[in-house]
């Protein structure tokens, strides 16, 4: 058996950090700024950064599985990566639609 990349007792840390940062920062950012049409590049950039980090975790989980790492190591990296990749991939589209709706409201108000 291959020696573990890290102590499997700490396998919960990557997923927890990603979830806490994504939920604590992403939700309020999108909830406050997207309906108003403010800070579009920063908010969508944050979502893209979370997606890239999630893809990296998923790739690390797949590499750990392929190299024969213990269950806690590959699952602790791969599952949060896959889960956040799906969640934030979908939410990025929703937030982008909110920005488009805010731009449409702004344009309609200017035309009046």
C-alpha atoms as a PDB file:
ATOM      1  CA  UNK A   1       0.000   0.000   0.000  1.00  0.00           C
ATOM      2  CA  UNK A   2       1.147   3.504  -0.785  1.00  0.00           C
ATOM      3  CA  UNK A   3       1.866   5.890   2.067  1.00  0.00           C
ATOM      4  CA  UNK A   4      -0.944   8.423   2.490  1.00  0.00           C
ATOM      5  CA  UNK A   5      -0.372  11.957   1.209  1.00  0.00           C
ATOM      6  CA  UNK A   6      -1.630  13.316   4.514  1.00  0.00           C
ATOM      7  CA  UNK A   7      -3.120  11.976   7.719  1.00  0.00           C
ATOM      8  CA  UNK A   8      -6.606  10.669   6.819  1.00  0.00           C
ATOM      9  CA  UNK A   9      -7.879  12.095  10.104  1.00  0.00           C
ATOM     10  CA  UNK A  10      -7.657  15.558   8.522  1.00  0.00           C
ATOM     11  CA  UNK A  11      -9.409  14.679   5.250  1.00  0.00           C
ATOM     12  CA  UNK A  12     -12.449  16.767   6.180  1.00  0.00           C
ATOM     13  CA  UNK A  13     -10.536  20.059   6.084  1.00  0.00           C
ATOM     14  CA  UNK A  14     -10.492  20.797   2.289  1.00  0.00           C
ATOM     15  CA  UNK A  15     -14.227  20.288   1.879  1.00  0.00           C
ATOM     16  CA  UNK A  16     -15.070  22.217   5.005  1.00  0.00           C
ATOM     17  CA  UNK A  17     -12.921  25.177   4.030  1.00  0.00           C
ATOM     18  CA  UNK A  18     -14.326  25.256   0.512  1.00  0.00           C
ATOM     19  CA  UNK A  19     -17.910  25.042   1.757  1.00  0.00           C
ATOM     20  CA  UNK A  20     -17.490  27.649   4.460  1.00  0.00           C
ATOM     21  CA  UNK A  21     -15.748  30.154   2.196  1.00  0.00           C
ATOM     22  CA  UNK A  22     -18.159  29.520  -0.663  1.00  0.00           C
ATOM     23  CA  UNK A  23     -21.269  29.755   1.483  1.00  0.00           C
ATOM     24  CA  UNK A  24     -20.192  32.570   3.761  1.00  0.00           C
ATOM     25  CA  UNK A  25     -18.812  34.789   1.020  1.00  0.00           C
ATOM     26  CA  UNK A  26     -20.555  33.689  -2.175  1.00  0.00           C
ATOM     27  CA  UNK A  27     -24.125  33.857  -0.930  1.00  0.00           C
ATOM     28  CA  UNK A  28     -23.974  37.337   0.566  1.00  0.00           C
ATOM     29  CA  UNK A  29     -21.950  38.650  -2.387  1.00  0.00           C
ATOM     30  CA  UNK A  30     -24.453  37.403  -4.916  1.00  0.00           C
ATOM     31  CA  UNK A  31     -27.457  38.292  -2.766  1.00  0.00           C
ATOM     32  CA  UNK A  32     -26.384  41.877  -2.167  1.00  0.00           C
ATOM     33  CA  UNK A  33     -24.662  42.876  -5.370  1.00  0.00           C
ATOM     34  CA  UNK A  34     -26.193  40.858  -8.233  1.00  0.00           C
ATOM     35  CA  UNK A  35     -29.742  42.290  -8.004  1.00  0.00           C
ATOM     36  CA  UNK A  36     -28.248  45.785  -7.939  1.00  0.00           C
ATOM     37  CA  UNK A  37     -25.858  45.095 -10.814  1.00  0.00           C
ATOM     38  CA  UNK A  38     -22.784  46.072  -8.767  1.00  0.00           C
ATOM     39  CA  UNK A  39     -19.298  44.495  -8.736  1.00  0.00           C
ATOM     40  CA  UNK A  40     -20.100  42.063 -11.541  1.00  0.00           C
ATOM     41  CA  UNK A  41     -16.538  41.103 -12.429  1.00  0.00           C
ATOM     42  CA  UNK A  42     -15.536  40.594  -8.782  1.00  0.00           C
ATOM     43  CA  UNK A  43     -18.534  38.452  -7.883  1.00  0.00           C
ATOM     44  CA  UNK A  44     -18.379  36.317 -11.032  1.00  0.00           C
ATOM     45  CA  UNK A  45     -14.616  36.126 -10.595  1.00  0.00           C
ATOM     46  CA  UNK A  46     -15.090  34.792  -7.070  1.00  0.00           C
ATOM     47  CA  UNK A  47     -17.426  32.120  -8.383  1.00  0.00           C
ATOM     48  CA  UNK A  48     -14.930  31.235 -11.116  1.00  0.00           C
ATOM     49  CA  UNK A  49     -12.142  30.969  -8.535  1.00  0.00           C
ATOM     50  CA  UNK A  50     -14.231  28.568  -6.456  1.00  0.00           C
ATOM     51  CA  UNK A  51     -14.958  26.529  -9.601  1.00  0.00           C
ATOM     52  CA  UNK A  52     -11.246  26.337 -10.435  1.00  0.00           C
ATOM     53  CA  UNK A  53     -10.347  25.314  -6.868  1.00  0.00           C
ATOM     54  CA  UNK A  54     -13.105  22.685  -6.977  1.00  0.00           C
ATOM     55  CA  UNK A  55     -11.798  21.302 -10.259  1.00  0.00           C
ATOM     56  CA  UNK A  56      -8.331  21.118  -8.708  1.00  0.00           C
ATOM     57  CA  UNK A  57      -9.677  19.204  -5.708  1.00  0.00           C
ATOM     58  CA  UNK A  58     -11.541  16.829  -7.993  1.00  0.00           C
ATOM     59  CA  UNK A  59      -8.399  16.256 -10.068  1.00  0.00           C
ATOM     60  CA  UNK A  60      -6.393  15.631  -6.888  1.00  0.00           C
ATOM     61  CA  UNK A  61      -9.049  13.173  -5.707  1.00  0.00           C
ATOM     62  CA  UNK A  62      -8.922  11.291  -9.005  1.00  0.00           C
ATOM     63  CA  UNK A  63      -5.119  11.226  -8.874  1.00  0.00           C
ATOM     64  CA  UNK A  64      -5.265   9.952  -5.285  1.00  0.00           C
ATOM     65  CA  UNK A  65      -7.686   7.206  -6.280  1.00  0.00           C
ATOM     66  CA  UNK A  66      -5.516   6.211  -9.230  1.00  0.00           C
ATOM     67  CA  UNK A  67      -2.385   6.069  -7.075  1.00  0.00           C
ATOM     68  CA  UNK A  68      -3.996   3.836  -4.461  1.00  0.00           C
ATOM     69  CA  UNK A  69      -4.380   6.314  -1.634  1.00  0.00           C
ATOM     70  CA  UNK A  70      -6.609   5.390   1.314  1.00  0.00           C
ATOM     71  CA  UNK A  71     -10.339   6.019   1.042  1.00  0.00           C
ATOM     72  CA  UNK A  72     -10.288   9.064   3.333  1.00  0.00           C
ATOM     73  CA  UNK A  73      -7.650  10.780   1.211  1.00  0.00           C
ATOM     74  CA  UNK A  74      -9.233  10.398  -2.230  1.00  0.00           C
ATOM     75  CA  UNK A  75     -12.783  10.849  -0.955  1.00  0.00           C
ATOM     76  CA  UNK A  76     -11.802  13.853   1.175  1.00  0.00           C
ATOM     77  CA  UNK A  77     -10.401  15.571  -1.900  1.00  0.00           C
ATOM     78  CA  UNK A  78     -12.664  14.304  -4.678  1.00  0.00           C
ATOM     79  CA  UNK A  79     -16.125  14.570  -3.179  1.00  0.00           C
ATOM     80  CA  UNK A  80     -15.979  18.236  -2.118  1.00  0.00           C
ATOM     81  CA  UNK A  81     -14.392  19.044  -5.466  1.00  0.00           C
ATOM     82  CA  UNK A  82     -17.185  17.360  -7.400  1.00  0.00           C
ATOM     83  CA  UNK A  83     -19.928  18.738  -5.177  1.00  0.00           C
ATOM     84  CA  UNK A  84     -18.715  22.350  -5.273  1.00  0.00           C
ATOM     85  CA  UNK A  85     -17.992  22.108  -8.994  1.00  0.00           C
ATOM     86  CA  UNK A  86     -21.627  21.219  -9.631  1.00  0.00           C
ATOM     87  CA  UNK A  87     -23.122  23.657  -7.113  1.00  0.00           C
ATOM     88  CA  UNK A  88     -21.030  26.694  -7.987  1.00  0.00           C
ATOM     89  CA  UNK A  89     -21.144  25.901 -11.710  1.00  0.00           C
ATOM     90  CA  UNK A  90     -24.937  26.099 -11.596  1.00  0.00           C
ATOM     91  CA  UNK A  91     -24.978  29.088  -9.249  1.00  0.00           C
ATOM     92  CA  UNK A  92     -22.598  31.041 -11.486  1.00  0.00           C
ATOM     93  CA  UNK A  93     -25.191  30.829 -14.245  1.00  0.00           C
ATOM     94  CA  UNK A  94     -27.942  31.944 -11.873  1.00  0.00           C
ATOM     95  CA  UNK A  95     -25.871  34.904 -10.675  1.00  0.00           C
ATOM     96  CA  UNK A  96     -25.022  35.864 -14.254  1.00  0.00           C
ATOM     97  CA  UNK A  97     -28.769  35.884 -15.043  1.00  0.00           C
ATOM     98  CA  UNK A  98     -29.346  38.171 -12.052  1.00  0.00           C
ATOM     99  CA  UNK A  99     -26.771  40.587 -13.444  1.00  0.00           C
ATOM    100  CA  UNK A 100     -28.421  40.453 -16.870  1.00  0.00           C
ATOM    101  CA  UNK A 101     -31.823  41.183 -15.304  1.00  0.00           C
ATOM    102  CA  UNK A 102     -30.351  44.117 -13.367  1.00  0.00           C
ATOM    103  CA  UNK A 103     -28.847  45.495 -16.575  1.00  0.00           C
ATOM    104  CA  UNK A 104     -32.201  45.142 -18.335  1.00  0.00           C
ATOM    105  CA  UNK A 105     -33.965  46.992 -15.497  1.00  0.00           C
ATOM    106  CA  UNK A 106     -31.347  49.721 -15.629  1.00  0.00           C
ATOM    107  CA  UNK A 107     -31.749  50.079 -19.407  1.00  0.00           C
ATOM    108  CA  UNK A 108     -35.550  50.143 -19.191  1.00  0.00           C
ATOM    109  CA  UNK A 109     -35.449  52.816 -16.472  1.00  0.00           C
ATOM    110  CA  UNK A 110     -33.077  54.926 -18.559  1.00  0.00           C
ATOM    111  CA  UNK A 111     -35.394  54.648 -21.589  1.00  0.00           C
ATOM    112  CA  UNK A 112     -38.353  55.979 -19.607  1.00  0.00           C
END
